[in-house]
Amino acid sequence: MARGVRVKVWGDYALFSRPELKTERYSYDVITPSAAIGILESVYWHPGLRWIVDRIYVIKPIQFISIKRNEVKSKISAANVLSAYNGKKKDLYISSKADIVQRSSVILKDVEYIIEAHFEMTENANASDNPGKFKDIIMRRLQRGECFQAPYLGCREFPAHFSICGEEKIVTAYDNVEERDMGLMLWGMDYTKLPDIQPRFFRAVMHRGVIDLTNCEVIQ
């Protein structure tokens, strides 16, 4: 595809949190489409294009590990920030000693995926923008390992490495597994009716190590 790319992504650890679990974090079996788009946008983002993930290839076996992580249970109040901006005296800090908590997390280890995706032009493209121009920029950035921000695998403490996938035939960790149903998985967030942001889900089914997203049904 003229607008398509294949990007190899790998890392030591990953955490693609299930939104239905509020306190303890538990990862999905594989990378979510929204996390894959986040990695692609870290490499190249432009208002004139929109990334669409077509397939996810699971290159390494799915492995879980349980860890404990220190997290902060509070965040600075937006109302306090606005009050401070308007001249009122408000405390704009979080006491880590009082707010830090230790929580268990079930995360993935030693992950590797190939993200097959393409981009579409949007109404925000300039007159000088065109698919060929964008494709050249994207391939150049992938070849050089350039990114706007460091990509990560679900959480910022789990960095993602990336490169162009130049393999004609992709061998997955599950070439011999006909089908594996992973249940409902987060597709992404729907921002069309702000401020009412709603999650969207799809039925993730892996066929021989490949999750095909081109014809799946997305529900809300």
C-alpha atoms as a PDB file:
ATOM      1  CA  MET A   1       0.000   0.000   0.000  1.00  0.00           C
ATOM      2  CA  ALA A   2       1.271   3.432  -0.943  1.00  0.00           C
ATOM      3  CA  ARG A   3       0.235   4.804   2.441  1.00  0.00           C
ATOM      4  CA  GLY A   4       1.012   1.673   4.447  1.00  0.00           C
ATOM      5  CA  VAL A   5       3.907   0.873   6.748  1.00  0.00           C
ATOM      6  CA  ARG A   6       5.063  -2.043   8.855  1.00  0.00           C
ATOM      7  CA  VAL A   7       6.787  -1.098  12.091  1.00  0.00           C
ATOM      8  CA  LYS A   8       8.543  -3.520  14.413  1.00  0.00           C
ATOM      9  CA  VAL A   9       8.079  -2.616  18.096  1.00  0.00           C
ATOM     10  CA  TRP A  10       9.676  -4.336  21.061  1.00  0.00           C
ATOM     11  CA  GLY A  11      10.577  -3.855  24.709  1.00  0.00           C
ATOM     12  CA  ASP A  12      11.388  -5.535  28.006  1.00  0.00           C
ATOM     13  CA  TYR A  13       8.038  -4.824  29.639  1.00  0.00           C
ATOM     14  CA  ALA A  14       4.574  -3.548  28.687  1.00  0.00           C
ATOM     15  CA  LEU A  15       1.344  -2.660  30.455  1.00  0.00           C
ATOM     16  CA  PHE A  16      -1.824  -2.154  28.412  1.00  0.00           C
ATOM     17  CA  SER A  17      -4.198  -1.627  31.327  1.00  0.00           C
ATOM     18  CA  ARG A  18      -7.724  -3.003  31.339  1.00  0.00           C
ATOM     19  CA  PRO A  19     -10.035  -0.018  32.065  1.00  0.00           C
ATOM     20  CA  GLU A  20     -12.506  -2.133  34.055  1.00  0.00           C
ATOM     21  CA  LEU A  21      -9.893  -2.673  36.798  1.00  0.00           C
ATOM     22  CA  LYS A  22      -9.571   0.631  38.660  1.00  0.00           C
ATOM     23  CA  THR A  23      -7.017   0.037  41.436  1.00  0.00           C
ATOM     24  CA  GLU A  24      -4.806  -2.905  40.545  1.00  0.00           C
ATOM     25  CA  ARG A  25      -3.451  -2.801  37.019  1.00  0.00           C
ATOM     26  CA  TYR A  26      -3.795  -5.882  34.801  1.00  0.00           C
ATOM     27  CA  SER A  27      -2.555  -5.877  31.222  1.00  0.00           C
ATOM     28  CA  TYR A  28      -4.332  -7.093  28.130  1.00  0.00           C
ATOM     29  CA  ASP A  29      -2.640 -10.041  26.416  1.00  0.00           C
ATOM     30  CA  VAL A  30      -1.325  -7.873  23.566  1.00  0.00           C
ATOM     31  CA  ILE A  31      -0.939  -4.264  22.539  1.00  0.00           C
ATOM     32  CA  THR A  32      -4.197  -2.370  21.989  1.00  0.00           C
ATOM     33  CA  PRO A  33      -4.959  -0.492  18.745  1.00  0.00           C
ATOM     34  CA  SER A  34      -4.906   2.848  20.605  1.00  0.00           C
ATOM     35  CA  ALA A  35      -1.461   2.070  22.072  1.00  0.00           C
ATOM     36  CA  ALA A  36      -0.221   1.111  18.606  1.00  0.00           C
ATOM     37  CA  ILE A  37      -1.484   4.422  17.209  1.00  0.00           C
ATOM     38  CA  GLY A  38       0.247   6.223  20.085  1.00  0.00           C
ATOM     39  CA  ILE A  39       3.567   4.686  19.053  1.00  0.00           C
ATOM     40  CA  LEU A  40       3.045   5.645  15.401  1.00  0.00           C
ATOM     41  CA  GLU A  41       2.132   9.198  16.382  1.00  0.00           C
ATOM     42  CA  SER A  42       5.283   9.368  18.507  1.00  0.00           C
ATOM     43  CA  VAL A  43       7.254   8.716  15.329  1.00  0.00           C
ATOM     44  CA  TYR A  44       5.265  11.083  13.123  1.00  0.00           C
ATOM     45  CA  TRP A  45       2.207  13.191  13.893  1.00  0.00           C
ATOM     46  CA  HIS A  46       0.653  15.791  11.625  1.00  0.00           C
ATOM     47  CA  PRO A  47      -2.838  17.352  11.683  1.00  0.00           C
ATOM     48  CA  GLY A  48      -3.147  16.491   8.007  1.00  0.00           C
ATOM     49  CA  LEU A  49      -3.074  12.727   8.520  1.00  0.00           C
ATOM     50  CA  ARG A  50      -4.781  10.107  10.664  1.00  0.00           C
ATOM     51  CA  TRP A  51      -3.240   6.725  11.511  1.00  0.00           C
ATOM     52  CA  ILE A  52      -5.305   3.539  11.126  1.00  0.00           C
ATOM     53  CA  VAL A  53      -3.991   0.182  12.376  1.00  0.00           C
ATOM     54  CA  ASP A  54      -4.796  -2.732  10.064  1.00  0.00           C
ATOM     55  CA  ARG A  55      -3.102  -5.716  11.715  1.00  0.00           C
ATOM     56  CA  ILE A  56      -1.032  -6.569  14.751  1.00  0.00           C
ATOM     57  CA  TYR A  57       1.445  -9.457  14.558  1.00  0.00           C
ATOM     58  CA  VAL A  58       2.473 -11.061  17.861  1.00  0.00           C
ATOM     59  CA  ILE A  59       6.111 -12.022  17.314  1.00  0.00           C
ATOM     60  CA  LYS A  60       7.078 -13.225  20.799  1.00  0.00           C
ATOM     61  CA  PRO A  61       5.049 -15.486  23.128  1.00  0.00           C
ATOM     62  CA  ILE A  62       2.679 -13.799  25.573  1.00  0.00           C
ATOM     63  CA  GLN A  63       4.270 -13.826  29.040  1.00  0.00           C
ATOM     64  CA  PHE A  64       2.971 -12.218  32.221  1.00  0.00           C
ATOM     65  CA  ILE A  65       4.853 -11.186  35.340  1.00  0.00           C
ATOM     66  CA  SER A  66       3.547  -9.741  38.623  1.00  0.00           C
ATOM     67  CA  ILE A  67       5.265  -6.704  40.137  1.00  0.00           C
ATOM     68  CA  LYS A  68       4.594  -3.977  42.691  1.00  0.00           C
ATOM     69  CA  ARG A  69       4.775  -0.347  41.592  1.00  0.00           C
ATOM     70  CA  ASN A  70       4.765   2.922  43.490  1.00  0.00           C
ATOM     71  CA  GLU A  71       2.017   5.247  42.290  1.00  0.00           C
ATOM     72  CA  VAL A  72       0.588   8.577  43.366  1.00  0.00           C
ATOM     73  CA  LYS A  73      -3.119   8.331  44.222  1.00  0.00           C
ATOM     74  CA  SER A  74      -3.905  12.052  43.763  1.00  0.00           C
ATOM     75  CA  LYS A  75      -3.472  14.715  41.135  1.00  0.00           C
ATOM     76  CA  ILE A  76      -3.351  18.496  41.288  1.00  0.00           C
ATOM     77  CA  SER A  77      -6.846  19.969  41.142  1.00  0.00           C
ATOM     78  CA  ALA A  78      -7.660  21.787  37.916  1.00  0.00           C
ATOM     79  CA  ALA A  79      -9.793  24.180  39.954  1.00  0.00           C
ATOM     80  CA  ASN A  80      -6.781  25.052  42.116  1.00  0.00           C
ATOM     81  CA  VAL A  81      -4.672  25.698  39.018  1.00  0.00           C
ATOM     82  CA  LEU A  82      -7.330  28.036  37.632  1.00  0.00           C
ATOM     83  CA  SER A  83      -7.629  29.833  40.987  1.00  0.00           C
ATOM     84  CA  ALA A  84      -3.846  30.274  41.191  1.00  0.00           C
ATOM     85  CA  TYR A  85      -3.838  31.599  37.629  1.00  0.00           C
ATOM     86  CA  ASN A  86      -6.420  34.182  38.673  1.00  0.00           C
ATOM     87  CA  GLY A  87      -4.244  35.354  41.559  1.00  0.00           C
ATOM     88  CA  LYS A  88      -5.552  33.351  44.503  1.00  0.00           C
ATOM     89  CA  LYS A  89      -3.179  31.581  46.836  1.00  0.00           C
ATOM     90  CA  LYS A  90      -3.445  27.856  46.183  1.00  0.00           C
ATOM     91  CA  ASP A  91      -1.025  24.993  46.815  1.00  0.00           C
ATOM     92  CA  LEU A  92       0.037  23.549  43.471  1.00  0.00           C
ATOM     93  CA  TYR A  93       1.896  20.468  44.614  1.00  0.00           C
ATOM     94  CA  ILE A  94       1.323  16.881  45.667  1.00  0.00           C
ATOM     95  CA  SER A  95       2.847  15.489  48.833  1.00  0.00           C
ATOM     96  CA  SER A  96       4.412  12.259  47.618  1.00  0.00           C
ATOM     97  CA  LYS A  97       4.860  11.068  51.188  1.00  0.00           C
ATOM     98  CA  ALA A  98       1.137  11.324  51.877  1.00  0.00           C
ATOM     99  CA  ASP A  99      -0.162  10.299  48.455  1.00  0.00           C
ATOM    100  CA  ILE A 100       2.196   7.526  47.393  1.00  0.00           C
ATOM    101  CA  VAL A 101       0.728   4.011  47.362  1.00  0.00           C
ATOM    102  CA  GLN A 102       2.123   0.634  46.393  1.00  0.00           C
ATOM    103  CA  ARG A 103      -0.043  -1.363  44.019  1.00  0.00           C
ATOM    104  CA  SER A 104       0.282  -4.738  42.358  1.00  0.00           C
ATOM    105  CA  SER A 105       0.443  -4.907  38.573  1.00  0.00           C
ATOM    106  CA  VAL A 106       0.331  -7.870  36.212  1.00  0.00           C
ATOM    107  CA  ILE A 107       2.350  -6.822  33.179  1.00  0.00           C
ATOM    108  CA  LEU A 108       3.782  -8.343  30.017  1.00  0.00           C
ATOM    109  CA  LYS A 109       7.470  -9.102  29.631  1.00  0.00           C
ATOM    110  CA  ASP A 110       9.747  -9.456  26.603  1.00  0.00           C
ATOM    111  CA  VAL A 111       7.223  -8.284  24.015  1.00  0.00           C
ATOM    112  CA  GLU A 112       7.590  -7.790  20.284  1.00  0.00           C
ATOM    113  CA  TYR A 113       4.967  -6.820  17.725  1.00  0.00           C
ATOM    114  CA  ILE A 114       4.765  -5.770  14.122  1.00  0.00           C
ATOM    115  CA  ILE A 115       2.219  -3.020  13.549  1.00  0.00           C
ATOM    116  CA  GLU A 116       0.811  -2.896  10.039  1.00  0.00           C
ATOM    117  CA  ALA A 117      -0.921   0.422   9.486  1.00  0.00           C
ATOM    118  CA  HIS A 118      -1.778   3.081   6.955  1.00  0.00           C
ATOM    119  CA  PHE A 119      -2.690   6.747   7.104  1.00  0.00           C
ATOM    120  CA  GLU A 120      -5.503   8.797   5.630  1.00  0.00           C
ATOM    121  CA  MET A 121      -5.474  12.473   4.757  1.00  0.00           C
ATOM    122  CA  THR A 122      -7.678  14.751   6.868  1.00  0.00           C
ATOM    123  CA  GLU A 123      -9.404  18.066   6.237  1.00  0.00           C
ATOM    124  CA  ASN A 124      -6.589  19.768   8.178  1.00  0.00           C
ATOM    125  CA  ALA A 125      -4.010  19.014   5.488  1.00  0.00           C
ATOM    126  CA  ASN A 126      -2.395  22.002   3.789  1.00  0.00           C
ATOM    127  CA  ALA A 127      -2.486  22.606   0.057  1.00  0.00           C
ATOM    128  CA  SER A 128       1.130  21.416  -0.208  1.00  0.00           C
ATOM    129  CA  ASP A 129       0.481  18.184   1.713  1.00  0.00           C
ATOM    130  CA  ASN A 130       0.047  14.913  -0.158  1.00  0.00           C
ATOM    131  CA  PRO A 131       0.376  11.179   0.613  1.00  0.00           C
ATOM    132  CA  GLY A 132       3.717  10.832  -1.137  1.00  0.00           C
ATOM    133  CA  LYS A 133       5.239  13.633   0.930  1.00  0.00           C
ATOM    134  CA  PHE A 134       3.978  12.143   4.183  1.00  0.00           C
ATOM    135  CA  LYS A 135       5.143   8.628   3.250  1.00  0.00           C
ATOM    136  CA  ASP A 136       8.677   9.889   2.490  1.00  0.00           C
ATOM    137  CA  ILE A 137       8.858  11.707   5.831  1.00  0.00           C
ATOM    138  CA  ILE A 138       7.567   8.686   7.746  1.00  0.00           C
ATOM    139  CA  MET A 139       9.999   6.239   6.123  1.00  0.00           C
ATOM    140  CA  ARG A 140      12.908   8.631   6.650  1.00  0.00           C
ATOM    141  CA  ARG A 141      12.086   9.020  10.338  1.00  0.00           C
ATOM    142  CA  LEU A 142      11.737   5.253  10.798  1.00  0.00           C
ATOM    143  CA  GLN A 143      15.067   4.607   9.081  1.00  0.00           C
ATOM    144  CA  ARG A 144      16.826   7.152  11.296  1.00  0.00           C
ATOM    145  CA  GLY A 145      15.035   6.126  14.491  1.00  0.00           C
ATOM    146  CA  GLU A 146      13.624   9.626  14.923  1.00  0.00           C
ATOM    147  CA  CYS A 147      10.573  10.429  17.033  1.00  0.00           C
ATOM    148  CA  PHE A 148       8.781  13.480  18.424  1.00  0.00           C
ATOM    149  CA  GLN A 149       8.607  11.882  21.863  1.00  0.00           C
ATOM    150  CA  ALA A 150       9.914   8.610  23.254  1.00  0.00           C
ATOM    151  CA  PRO A 151       7.336   5.908  22.439  1.00  0.00           C
ATOM    152  CA  TYR A 152       6.270   3.588  25.225  1.00  0.00           C
ATOM    153  CA  LEU A 153       4.418   0.316  25.718  1.00  0.00           C
ATOM    154  CA  GLY A 154       1.319   1.359  27.619  1.00  0.00           C
ATOM    155  CA  CYS A 155       3.131   3.206  30.451  1.00  0.00           C
ATOM    156  CA  ARG A 156       5.937   5.725  30.147  1.00  0.00           C
ATOM    157  CA  GLU A 157       8.261   3.683  32.370  1.00  0.00           C
ATOM    158  CA  PHE A 158       8.203   0.911  29.737  1.00  0.00           C
ATOM    159  CA  PRO A 159       9.997   2.386  26.692  1.00  0.00           C
ATOM    160  CA  ALA A 160       9.414   0.976  23.213  1.00  0.00           C
ATOM    161  CA  HIS A 161      12.123   0.370  20.615  1.00  0.00           C
ATOM    162  CA  PHE A 162      11.070   0.591  16.982  1.00  0.00           C
ATOM    163  CA  SER A 163      12.353   0.026  13.460  1.00  0.00           C
ATOM    164  CA  ILE A 164      11.086  -0.606   9.946  1.00  0.00           C
ATOM    165  CA  CYS A 165       9.941  -4.157   9.332  1.00  0.00           C
ATOM    166  CA  GLY A 166      11.604  -5.244   6.110  1.00  0.00           C
ATOM    167  CA  GLU A 167      10.547  -8.894   6.260  1.00  0.00           C
ATOM    168  CA  GLU A 168       8.422 -10.186   3.394  1.00  0.00           C
ATOM    169  CA  LYS A 169       7.136 -13.166   5.376  1.00  0.00           C
ATOM    170  CA  ILE A 170       6.360 -12.517   9.042  1.00  0.00           C
ATOM    171  CA  VAL A 171       6.721 -15.455  11.422  1.00  0.00           C
ATOM    172  CA  THR A 172       4.684 -15.085  14.610  1.00  0.00           C
ATOM    173  CA  ALA A 173       4.918 -16.917  17.922  1.00  0.00           C
ATOM    174  CA  TYR A 174       1.551 -18.531  17.205  1.00  0.00           C
ATOM    175  CA  ASP A 175       1.827 -19.717  13.614  1.00  0.00           C
ATOM    176  CA  ASN A 176       0.527 -23.117  14.706  1.00  0.00           C
ATOM    177  CA  VAL A 177      -2.435 -21.765  16.720  1.00  0.00           C
ATOM    178  CA  GLU A 178      -5.482 -21.518  14.486  1.00  0.00           C
ATOM    179  CA  GLU A 179      -7.477 -19.184  16.728  1.00  0.00           C
ATOM    180  CA  ARG A 180      -7.224 -17.562  20.163  1.00  0.00           C
ATOM    181  CA  ASP A 181     -10.130 -15.511  21.482  1.00  0.00           C
ATOM    182  CA  MET A 182      -8.943 -12.756  23.834  1.00  0.00           C
ATOM    183  CA  GLY A 183     -12.382 -11.354  24.609  1.00  0.00           C
ATOM    184  CA  LEU A 184     -13.333  -7.688  24.570  1.00  0.00           C
ATOM    185  CA  MET A 185     -10.390  -5.319  24.243  1.00  0.00           C
ATOM    186  CA  LEU A 186     -10.179  -1.545  24.328  1.00  0.00           C
ATOM    187  CA  TRP A 187     -10.190  -0.054  20.834  1.00  0.00           C
ATOM    188  CA  GLY A 188      -9.817   3.568  21.869  1.00  0.00           C
ATOM    189  CA  MET A 189     -11.638   6.555  23.328  1.00  0.00           C
ATOM    190  CA  ASP A 190     -14.443   8.387  21.562  1.00  0.00           C
ATOM    191  CA  TYR A 191     -13.870  12.169  21.758  1.00  0.00           C
ATOM    192  CA  THR A 192     -16.667  13.185  19.373  1.00  0.00           C
ATOM    193  CA  LYS A 193     -19.073  14.307  22.134  1.00  0.00           C
ATOM    194  CA  LEU A 194     -16.899  16.326  24.491  1.00  0.00           C
ATOM    195  CA  PRO A 195     -16.822  16.452  27.440  1.00  0.00           C
ATOM    196  CA  ASP A 196     -18.530  13.024  27.466  1.00  0.00           C
ATOM    197  CA  ILE A 197     -15.572  10.779  26.562  1.00  0.00           C
ATOM    198  CA  GLN A 198     -16.571   7.138  26.106  1.00  0.00           C
ATOM    199  CA  PRO A 199     -14.444   3.979  25.666  1.00  0.00           C
ATOM    200  CA  ARG A 200     -14.902   1.807  22.574  1.00  0.00           C
ATOM    201  CA  PHE A 201     -14.246  -1.931  22.488  1.00  0.00           C
ATOM    202  CA  PHE A 202     -13.874  -4.774  19.991  1.00  0.00           C
ATOM    203  CA  ARG A 203     -13.688  -8.565  20.120  1.00  0.00           C
ATOM    204  CA  ALA A 204      -9.983  -9.422  19.814  1.00  0.00           C
ATOM    205  CA  VAL A 205      -9.445 -12.715  18.014  1.00  0.00           C
ATOM    206  CA  MET A 206      -5.928 -13.801  17.040  1.00  0.00           C
ATOM    207  CA  HIS A 207      -5.539 -16.084  14.020  1.00  0.00           C
ATOM    208  CA  ARG A 208      -2.091 -17.687  13.770  1.00  0.00           C
ATOM    209  CA  GLY A 209      -0.566 -14.829  15.718  1.00  0.00           C
ATOM    210  CA  VAL A 210      -2.298 -12.045  13.763  1.00  0.00           C
ATOM    211  CA  ILE A 211      -5.088  -9.751  14.978  1.00  0.00           C
ATOM    212  CA  ASP A 212      -6.881  -8.386  11.915  1.00  0.00           C
ATOM    213  CA  LEU A 213      -8.547  -5.038  12.629  1.00  0.00           C
ATOM    214  CA  THR A 214      -9.771  -4.234   9.142  1.00  0.00           C
ATOM    215  CA  ASN A 215     -13.295  -5.670   9.456  1.00  0.00           C
ATOM    216  CA  CYS A 216     -13.864  -5.996  13.190  1.00  0.00           C
ATOM    217  CA  GLU A 217     -16.971  -4.593  14.860  1.00  0.00           C
ATOM    218  CA  VAL A 218     -16.372  -1.716  17.299  1.00  0.00           C
ATOM    219  CA  ILE A 219     -18.909  -1.277  20.088  1.00  0.00           C
ATOM    220  CA  GLN A 220     -19.427   1.381  22.742  1.00  0.00           C
END
